[in-house]
Amino acid sequence: MFSALLKVLGAGLSLWASKEARKYIDKKIALEKAWYEEYNKDDASRSNAVLDNLEFELRTLAIAFASEVGASQAGNKP
């Protein structure tokens, strides 16, 4: 699920023509990097709590992105 959410969010961010997009892209990249670093640890030192938290942060970022795009689209209507 994590990789699917990353792909969808990445695609949406790449299409979003806004100066706000860069902060969302930077946060997505940071979350992705942190998740893969934790995921690639050996079983004894990997923390599922950390992975769950990073997934939650990514979902929260996706919700914020969707809200921001919706607000900007609502402002552009004649």
Protein backbone atom coordinates (compact mmCIF):
# COMPACT_ATOMS: atom_id res chain seq x y z
CA MET A 1 0.00 0.00 0.00
CA PHE A 2 2.84 2.36 0.79
CA SER A 3 4.32 2.18 -2.70
CA ALA A 4 0.91 2.62 -4.34
CA LEU A 5 0.24 5.75 -2.28
CA LEU A 6 3.69 7.07 -3.15
CA LYS A 7 3.01 6.61 -6.86
CA VAL A 8 -0.40 8.27 -6.78
CA LEU A 9 0.82 11.19 -4.68
CA GLY A 10 3.91 11.58 -6.86
CA ALA A 11 1.82 11.64 -10.02
CA GLY A 12 -0.55 14.23 -8.58
CA LEU A 13 2.30 16.41 -7.37
CA SER A 14 4.02 16.28 -10.75
CA LEU A 15 0.87 17.62 -12.42
CA TRP A 16 0.15 20.31 -9.84
CA ALA A 17 1.28 23.68 -11.16
CA SER A 18 1.68 25.61 -7.93
CA LYS A 19 4.54 27.11 -5.98
CA GLU A 20 3.23 25.11 -2.99
CA ALA A 21 3.99 21.83 -4.78
CA ARG A 22 7.71 21.93 -3.89
CA LYS A 23 7.10 21.67 -0.13
CA TYR A 24 4.81 18.67 -0.65
CA ILE A 25 7.33 17.01 -2.96
CA ASP A 26 10.15 17.56 -0.45
CA LYS A 27 8.07 16.08 2.37
CA LYS A 28 7.06 13.08 0.22
CA ILE A 29 10.70 12.39 -0.64
CA ALA A 30 11.74 12.65 3.01
CA LEU A 31 8.99 10.25 4.11
CA GLU A 32 9.82 7.81 1.33
CA LYS A 33 13.52 7.85 2.24
CA ALA A 34 12.81 7.35 5.94
CA TRP A 35 10.38 4.50 5.23
CA TYR A 36 12.81 2.61 3.00
CA GLU A 37 15.66 3.14 5.47
CA GLU A 38 13.56 1.62 8.26
CA TYR A 39 12.13 -1.13 6.04
CA ASN A 40 15.58 -2.25 4.88
CA LYS A 41 16.89 -2.76 8.42
CA ASP A 42 17.32 -6.33 9.57
CA ASP A 43 14.30 -7.91 11.25
CA ALA A 44 15.70 -7.51 14.76
CA SER A 45 16.12 -3.75 14.52
CA ARG A 46 13.20 -2.86 12.23
CA SER A 47 10.32 -1.11 13.99
CA ASN A 48 6.83 -1.68 12.65
CA ALA A 49 5.69 1.26 14.78
CA VAL A 50 8.05 3.57 12.90
CA LEU A 51 6.86 2.18 9.55
CA ASP A 52 3.22 2.64 10.58
CA ASN A 53 3.92 6.21 11.68
CA LEU A 54 5.61 7.03 8.38
CA GLU A 55 2.67 5.56 6.46
CA PHE A 56 0.28 7.64 8.57
CA GLU A 57 2.31 10.78 7.81
CA LEU A 58 2.18 9.99 4.09
CA ARG A 59 -1.60 9.53 4.21
CA THR A 60 -1.88 12.83 6.08
CA LEU A 61 0.29 14.51 3.43
CA ALA A 62 -1.96 13.07 0.70
CA ILE A 63 -5.06 14.43 2.45
CA ALA A 64 -3.44 17.86 2.84
CA PHE A 65 -2.43 17.81 -0.84
CA ALA A 66 -5.97 16.90 -1.92
CA SER A 67 -7.40 19.68 0.24
CA GLU A 68 -4.92 22.22 -1.10
CA VAL A 69 -5.64 21.30 -4.71
CA GLY A 70 -9.36 21.39 -4.07
CA ALA A 71 -9.10 24.83 -2.50
CA SER A 72 -6.99 26.18 -5.37
CA GLN A 73 -9.42 24.73 -7.94
CA ALA A 74 -12.39 26.25 -6.14
CA GLY A 75 -10.67 29.64 -6.24
CA ASN A 76 -10.10 29.39 -9.99
CA LYS A 77 -13.74 28.91 -10.96
CA PRO A 78 -15.47 31.88 -12.63
